[in-house]
Amino acid sequence: MNATQDDIPPPPEVRGIVLDGAEPYVIKADENAALCRSTGIEPAGDGTAHPIYHFIATQLGMKHSVAEFCALFDFDVADGPMIVGSIVTFHTPLRVETPYWVRGEILSITRKQSRKLGTMDVADYRLALLDGETSVAEVTNSWIFPRKART
């Protein structure tokens, strides 16, 4: 049975929740090398990291684990959140062995109806990687939280 708007309470008030990390995230040179080689390329010799670390570093460096992040939206990670979009802006290349601070916040949550998923919430949040006070990369992610009728 698909949920209807009447079966589910409104989305949680999450806009503006801060996602800043408690400690810096460091892209380890050996981990970067292993990741690069797993994709069939050699790591850069100049200390730059693979660009996918924009996602890895922000997700691992923010304040919450994926399960804790989902809980902010009153959603159990076991119910299957979906990443549906990611927009990244690089200001400088990412570097190995550099401590990056993660700063961010939840931008919005919108309740929608889908023929395939039923009621769902679409959440957008922004995370930035900072080298000191300088933004190195910013990413805005969109996730979907399918909602089930509560019994």
C-alpha atoms as a PDB file:
ATOM      1  CA  MET A   1       0.000   0.000   0.000  1.00  0.00           C
ATOM      2  CA  ASN A   2       1.398   3.386  -0.953  1.00  0.00           C
ATOM      3  CA  ALA A   3       1.384   6.072   1.663  1.00  0.00           C
ATOM      4  CA  THR A   4      -0.750   9.132   1.192  1.00  0.00           C
ATOM      5  CA  GLN A   5      -0.173  12.627   2.496  1.00  0.00           C
ATOM      6  CA  ASP A   6      -2.725  11.926   5.258  1.00  0.00           C
ATOM      7  CA  ASP A   7      -0.844   8.808   6.468  1.00  0.00           C
ATOM      8  CA  ILE A   8       2.452  10.577   7.082  1.00  0.00           C
ATOM      9  CA  PRO A   9       3.227  13.555   9.289  1.00  0.00           C
ATOM     10  CA  PRO A  10       4.833  16.586   7.639  1.00  0.00           C
ATOM     11  CA  PRO A  11       8.577  16.439   6.980  1.00  0.00           C
ATOM     12  CA  PRO A  12      10.806  17.235   9.940  1.00  0.00           C
ATOM     13  CA  GLU A  13      12.066  20.766  10.472  1.00  0.00           C
ATOM     14  CA  VAL A  14      15.684  20.220   9.445  1.00  0.00           C
ATOM     15  CA  ARG A  15      16.518  23.274   7.350  1.00  0.00           C
ATOM     16  CA  GLY A  16      19.595  24.980   8.765  1.00  0.00           C
ATOM     17  CA  ILE A  17      20.890  22.062  10.822  1.00  0.00           C
ATOM     18  CA  VAL A  18      24.670  22.416  10.889  1.00  0.00           C
ATOM     19  CA  LEU A  19      26.705  19.474   9.571  1.00  0.00           C
ATOM     20  CA  ASP A  20      30.177  20.777  10.448  1.00  0.00           C
ATOM     21  CA  GLY A  21      32.726  18.079  11.225  1.00  0.00           C
ATOM     22  CA  ALA A  22      34.368  17.863  14.640  1.00  0.00           C
ATOM     23  CA  GLU A  23      37.861  17.195  13.295  1.00  0.00           C
ATOM     24  CA  PRO A  24      39.633  17.537   9.956  1.00  0.00           C
ATOM     25  CA  TYR A  25      39.558  14.830   7.316  1.00  0.00           C
ATOM     26  CA  VAL A  26      42.895  13.886   5.741  1.00  0.00           C
ATOM     27  CA  ILE A  27      43.106  12.136   2.367  1.00  0.00           C
ATOM     28  CA  LYS A  28      45.813   9.577   3.074  1.00  0.00           C
ATOM     29  CA  ALA A  29      48.338   9.142   0.259  1.00  0.00           C
ATOM     30  CA  ASP A  30      48.183   5.330   0.418  1.00  0.00           C
ATOM     31  CA  GLU A  31      44.368   5.311   0.340  1.00  0.00           C
ATOM     32  CA  ASN A  32      44.368   7.726  -2.593  1.00  0.00           C
ATOM     33  CA  ALA A  33      46.870   5.525  -4.424  1.00  0.00           C
ATOM     34  CA  ALA A  34      44.718   2.419  -3.834  1.00  0.00           C
ATOM     35  CA  LEU A  35      41.596   4.231  -5.011  1.00  0.00           C
ATOM     36  CA  CYS A  36      43.346   5.537  -8.142  1.00  0.00           C
ATOM     37  CA  ARG A  37      44.718   2.113  -9.006  1.00  0.00           C
ATOM     38  CA  SER A  38      41.285   0.531  -8.494  1.00  0.00           C
ATOM     39  CA  THR A  39      40.039   2.781 -11.313  1.00  0.00           C
ATOM     40  CA  GLY A  40      42.930   1.885 -13.598  1.00  0.00           C
ATOM     41  CA  ILE A  41      45.004   5.037 -13.175  1.00  0.00           C
ATOM     42  CA  GLU A  42      48.201   5.807 -11.322  1.00  0.00           C
ATOM     43  CA  PRO A  43      48.064   8.410  -8.539  1.00  0.00           C
ATOM     44  CA  ALA A  44      49.289  11.856  -9.504  1.00  0.00           C
ATOM     45  CA  GLY A  45      52.933  12.476  -8.715  1.00  0.00           C
ATOM     46  CA  ASP A  46      52.290  16.052  -7.609  1.00  0.00           C
ATOM     47  CA  GLY A  47      50.317  15.252  -4.433  1.00  0.00           C
ATOM     48  CA  THR A  48      46.886  15.899  -5.858  1.00  0.00           C
ATOM     49  CA  ALA A  49      44.134  13.474  -4.858  1.00  0.00           C
ATOM     50  CA  HIS A  50      41.536  11.783  -7.029  1.00  0.00           C
ATOM     51  CA  PRO A  51      38.579  14.176  -7.451  1.00  0.00           C
ATOM     52  CA  ILE A  52      36.072  11.616  -6.054  1.00  0.00           C
ATOM     53  CA  TYR A  53      37.382  12.605  -2.649  1.00  0.00           C
ATOM     54  CA  HIS A  54      35.060  15.616  -2.873  1.00  0.00           C
ATOM     55  CA  PHE A  55      32.326  13.136  -1.962  1.00  0.00           C
ATOM     56  CA  ILE A  56      34.276  10.768   0.278  1.00  0.00           C
ATOM     57  CA  ALA A  57      35.912  13.501   2.362  1.00  0.00           C
ATOM     58  CA  THR A  58      32.735  15.526   2.846  1.00  0.00           C
ATOM     59  CA  GLN A  59      30.620  12.513   3.796  1.00  0.00           C
ATOM     60  CA  LEU A  60      33.190  11.028   6.182  1.00  0.00           C
ATOM     61  CA  GLY A  61      34.246  14.408   7.556  1.00  0.00           C
ATOM     62  CA  MET A  62      30.815  15.789   8.399  1.00  0.00           C
ATOM     63  CA  LYS A  63      29.335  15.618  11.873  1.00  0.00           C
ATOM     64  CA  HIS A  64      27.076  12.591  11.278  1.00  0.00           C
ATOM     65  CA  SER A  65      27.385   9.035   9.999  1.00  0.00           C
ATOM     66  CA  VAL A  66      24.958   8.112   7.216  1.00  0.00           C
ATOM     67  CA  ALA A  67      22.644   6.443   9.755  1.00  0.00           C
ATOM     68  CA  GLU A  68      22.757   9.524  12.026  1.00  0.00           C
ATOM     69  CA  PHE A  69      22.193  11.801   9.035  1.00  0.00           C
ATOM     70  CA  CYS A  70      19.103   9.807   8.010  1.00  0.00           C
ATOM     71  CA  ALA A  71      17.818   9.924  11.595  1.00  0.00           C
ATOM     72  CA  LEU A  72      17.783  13.748  11.392  1.00  0.00           C
ATOM     73  CA  PHE A  73      15.061  13.270   8.765  1.00  0.00           C
ATOM     74  CA  ASP A  74      13.165  10.767  10.925  1.00  0.00           C
ATOM     75  CA  PHE A  75      14.268   8.065   8.480  1.00  0.00           C
ATOM     76  CA  ASP A  76      15.811   4.661   9.160  1.00  0.00           C
ATOM     77  CA  VAL A  77      18.846   4.036   6.961  1.00  0.00           C
ATOM     78  CA  ALA A  78      17.652   0.403   6.606  1.00  0.00           C
ATOM     79  CA  ASP A  79      14.648   1.730   4.633  1.00  0.00           C
ATOM     80  CA  GLY A  80      16.920   2.699   1.753  1.00  0.00           C
ATOM     81  CA  PRO A  81      17.744   6.380   1.252  1.00  0.00           C
ATOM     82  CA  MET A  82      18.730   7.232  -2.313  1.00  0.00           C
ATOM     83  CA  ILE A  83      21.352   9.692  -3.497  1.00  0.00           C
ATOM     84  CA  VAL A  84      19.814  11.345  -6.549  1.00  0.00           C
ATOM     85  CA  GLY A  85      22.141  14.199  -7.299  1.00  0.00           C
ATOM     86  CA  SER A  86      25.457  15.797  -6.491  1.00  0.00           C
ATOM     87  CA  ILE A  87      26.809  19.088  -7.811  1.00  0.00           C
ATOM     88  CA  VAL A  88      30.433  19.880  -7.049  1.00  0.00           C
ATOM     89  CA  THR A  89      32.523  22.988  -7.530  1.00  0.00           C
ATOM     90  CA  PHE A  90      36.300  22.727  -7.182  1.00  0.00           C
ATOM     91  CA  HIS A  91      38.212  25.902  -6.333  1.00  0.00           C
ATOM     92  CA  THR A  92      41.576  24.121  -6.220  1.00  0.00           C
ATOM     93  CA  PRO A  93      42.605  20.480  -6.670  1.00  0.00           C
ATOM     94  CA  LEU A  94      42.328  18.280  -3.579  1.00  0.00           C
ATOM     95  CA  ARG A  95      45.646  17.227  -2.052  1.00  0.00           C
ATOM     96  CA  VAL A  96      46.784  14.218  -0.077  1.00  0.00           C
ATOM     97  CA  GLU A  97      48.002  14.574   3.517  1.00  0.00           C
ATOM     98  CA  THR A  98      46.223  17.909   3.878  1.00  0.00           C
ATOM     99  CA  PRO A  99      43.739  18.363   6.736  1.00  0.00           C
ATOM    100  CA  TYR A 100      40.378  19.542   5.397  1.00  0.00           C
ATOM    101  CA  TRP A 101      37.623  20.807   7.615  1.00  0.00           C
ATOM    102  CA  VAL A 102      34.059  20.043   6.586  1.00  0.00           C
ATOM    103  CA  ARG A 103      31.458  22.757   7.009  1.00  0.00           C
ATOM    104  CA  GLY A 104      27.877  22.510   5.906  1.00  0.00           C
ATOM    105  CA  GLU A 105      24.182  22.604   6.542  1.00  0.00           C
ATOM    106  CA  ILE A 106      20.873  21.160   5.457  1.00  0.00           C
ATOM    107  CA  LEU A 107      19.336  23.487   2.873  1.00  0.00           C
ATOM    108  CA  SER A 108      15.833  22.099   2.409  1.00  0.00           C
ATOM    109  CA  ILE A 109      13.393  19.231   2.589  1.00  0.00           C
ATOM    110  CA  THR A 110      10.404  18.926   0.272  1.00  0.00           C
ATOM    111  CA  ARG A 111       7.559  16.403   0.448  1.00  0.00           C
ATOM    112  CA  LYS A 112       6.587  14.997  -2.971  1.00  0.00           C
ATOM    113  CA  GLN A 113       4.413  12.276  -4.470  1.00  0.00           C
ATOM    114  CA  SER A 114       5.828   9.764  -6.927  1.00  0.00           C
ATOM    115  CA  ARG A 115       3.964   7.114  -8.914  1.00  0.00           C
ATOM    116  CA  LYS A 116       6.741   4.595  -8.252  1.00  0.00           C
ATOM    117  CA  LEU A 117       7.851   5.520  -4.733  1.00  0.00           C
ATOM    118  CA  GLY A 118       4.683   7.008  -3.258  1.00  0.00           C
ATOM    119  CA  THR A 119       5.294   9.751  -0.732  1.00  0.00           C
ATOM    120  CA  MET A 120       8.907  10.802  -0.433  1.00  0.00           C
ATOM    121  CA  ASP A 121      10.998  13.609   0.941  1.00  0.00           C
ATOM    122  CA  VAL A 122      13.710  15.229  -1.166  1.00  0.00           C
ATOM    123  CA  ALA A 123      16.500  16.718   0.922  1.00  0.00           C
ATOM    124  CA  ASP A 124      19.305  19.009  -0.206  1.00  0.00           C
ATOM    125  CA  TYR A 125      22.403  19.759   1.828  1.00  0.00           C
ATOM    126  CA  ARG A 126      25.660  21.551   1.148  1.00  0.00           C
ATOM    127  CA  LEU A 127      29.121  20.603   2.398  1.00  0.00           C
ATOM    128  CA  ALA A 128      32.391  22.453   1.855  1.00  0.00           C
ATOM    129  CA  LEU A 129      35.983  21.292   2.255  1.00  0.00           C
ATOM    130  CA  LEU A 130      38.129  24.000   3.792  1.00  0.00           C
ATOM    131  CA  ASP A 131      41.894  24.266   3.944  1.00  0.00           C
ATOM    132  CA  GLY A 132      42.062  26.646   6.878  1.00  0.00           C
ATOM    133  CA  GLU A 133      39.561  29.354   5.965  1.00  0.00           C
ATOM    134  CA  THR A 134      39.813  28.751   2.211  1.00  0.00           C
ATOM    135  CA  SER A 135      37.114  26.738   0.449  1.00  0.00           C
ATOM    136  CA  VAL A 136      38.723  24.082  -1.730  1.00  0.00           C
ATOM    137  CA  ALA A 137      35.528  22.359  -2.912  1.00  0.00           C
ATOM    138  CA  GLU A 138      31.803  22.621  -2.323  1.00  0.00           C
ATOM    139  CA  VAL A 139      29.206  19.947  -2.958  1.00  0.00           C
ATOM    140  CA  THR A 140      25.432  20.076  -2.842  1.00  0.00           C
ATOM    141  CA  ASN A 141      23.849  16.652  -2.509  1.00  0.00           C
ATOM    142  CA  SER A 142      20.224  15.634  -2.987  1.00  0.00           C
ATOM    143  CA  TRP A 143      18.822  12.555  -1.293  1.00  0.00           C
ATOM    144  CA  ILE A 144      15.378  10.949  -1.439  1.00  0.00           C
ATOM    145  CA  PHE A 145      13.771   9.385   1.617  1.00  0.00           C
ATOM    146  CA  PRO A 146      10.838   7.161   0.524  1.00  0.00           C
ATOM    147  CA  ARG A 147       8.097   7.320   3.160  1.00  0.00           C
ATOM    148  CA  LYS A 148       5.961   4.389   4.160  1.00  0.00           C
ATOM    149  CA  ALA A 149       2.552   4.593   5.744  1.00  0.00           C
ATOM    150  CA  ARG A 150       2.836   4.105   9.484  1.00  0.00           C
ATOM    151  CA  THR A 151       0.679   1.450  10.995  1.00  0.00           C
END
